Protein backbone atom coordinates (compact mmCIF):
# COMPACT_ATOMS: atom_id res chain seq x y z
CA MET A 1 94.12 -116.48 -80.96
CA ILE A 2 91.10 -116.27 -78.65
CA PRO A 3 89.78 -119.68 -77.47
CA ALA A 4 86.42 -120.60 -78.95
CA SER A 5 84.66 -120.79 -75.54
CA VAL A 6 85.76 -117.21 -74.70
CA LEU A 7 84.79 -116.01 -78.19
CA GLY A 8 81.39 -117.58 -77.96
CA ALA A 9 80.81 -115.94 -74.52
CA LEU A 10 81.82 -112.60 -75.99
CA ILE A 11 79.54 -113.03 -79.00
CA LEU A 12 76.55 -113.49 -76.71
CA GLY A 13 77.68 -111.41 -73.70
CA ILE A 14 78.47 -108.09 -75.31
CA PRO A 15 75.06 -107.52 -77.09
CA LEU A 16 73.19 -108.69 -73.94
CA LEU A 17 75.09 -106.28 -71.84
CA VAL A 18 74.43 -103.40 -74.23
CA LEU A 19 70.73 -104.21 -74.27
CA ALA A 20 70.68 -104.36 -70.43
CA TRP A 21 72.43 -101.03 -70.31
CA VAL A 22 70.05 -99.40 -72.85
CA PHE A 23 66.80 -100.55 -71.17
CA LEU A 24 67.86 -100.71 -67.46
CA HIS A 25 70.62 -98.09 -66.84
CA ARG A 26 68.34 -95.79 -64.85
CA GLN A 27 67.32 -98.62 -62.44
CA ARG A 28 70.70 -99.56 -61.12
CA PRO A 29 69.63 -102.52 -58.89
CA VAL A 30 67.73 -104.10 -61.67
CA PHE A 31 70.62 -103.48 -64.10
CA TYR A 32 73.11 -105.05 -61.69
CA PHE A 33 70.75 -108.11 -61.27
CA ALA A 34 70.55 -108.47 -65.04
CA VAL A 35 74.34 -108.40 -65.33
CA VAL A 36 74.61 -111.11 -62.73
CA LEU A 37 72.00 -113.21 -64.57
CA ILE A 38 73.96 -112.76 -67.85
CA LEU A 39 77.15 -113.77 -66.20
CA VAL A 40 75.59 -116.88 -64.71
CA GLY A 41 74.08 -117.84 -68.03
CA LEU A 42 77.42 -117.31 -69.82
CA GLY A 43 79.21 -119.37 -67.20
CA TYR A 44 76.76 -122.22 -67.72
CA GLN A 45 77.24 -122.03 -71.51
CA ILE A 46 80.99 -122.07 -71.09
CA THR A 47 80.87 -125.16 -68.80
CA THR A 48 78.51 -127.17 -71.05
CA GLY A 49 80.54 -126.27 -74.27
CA ALA A 50 77.72 -124.41 -75.86
CA SER A 51 79.74 -121.20 -76.27
CA GLU A 52 82.32 -123.17 -78.39
CA ASP A 53 79.45 -124.35 -80.67
CA ILE A 54 78.10 -120.79 -80.95
CA ALA A 55 81.57 -119.47 -81.85
CA HIS A 56 82.01 -122.20 -84.50
CA MET A 57 78.52 -121.49 -85.91
CA VAL A 58 78.95 -117.72 -86.12
CA LEU A 59 82.52 -117.83 -87.53
CA GLY A 60 81.67 -120.62 -89.94
CA ALA A 61 84.48 -122.95 -88.85
CA PRO A 62 84.27 -126.42 -90.29
CA GLU A 63 83.01 -129.02 -87.83
CA PRO A 64 85.45 -131.84 -87.04
CA VAL A 65 84.82 -135.01 -88.98
CA ALA A 66 85.39 -138.38 -87.41
CA ALA A 67 88.05 -140.58 -88.97
CA PRO A 68 86.71 -143.72 -90.60
CA ALA A 69 86.98 -146.92 -88.62
CA ALA A 70 90.18 -148.98 -89.19
CA GLN A 71 89.61 -152.04 -91.35
CA PRO A 72 90.99 -155.31 -89.89
CA ALA A 73 93.94 -156.72 -91.75
CA ASN A 74 93.28 -160.05 -93.58
């Protein structure tokens, strides 16, 4: 199973790279710069945990629910 952080990065990264290729493939330096910016943005999202949230949102995984607080014994 792919970790959620990697899956979130793939969900965002692949379409962005395809769009960069379609619009910038004739201008190689600009395309390479766009690829670097995409990688930096994905790295930031992985380190902040946003890519995991994106993967859970896209896949429809249930969000974790906090357990109720323990009641003191009387």
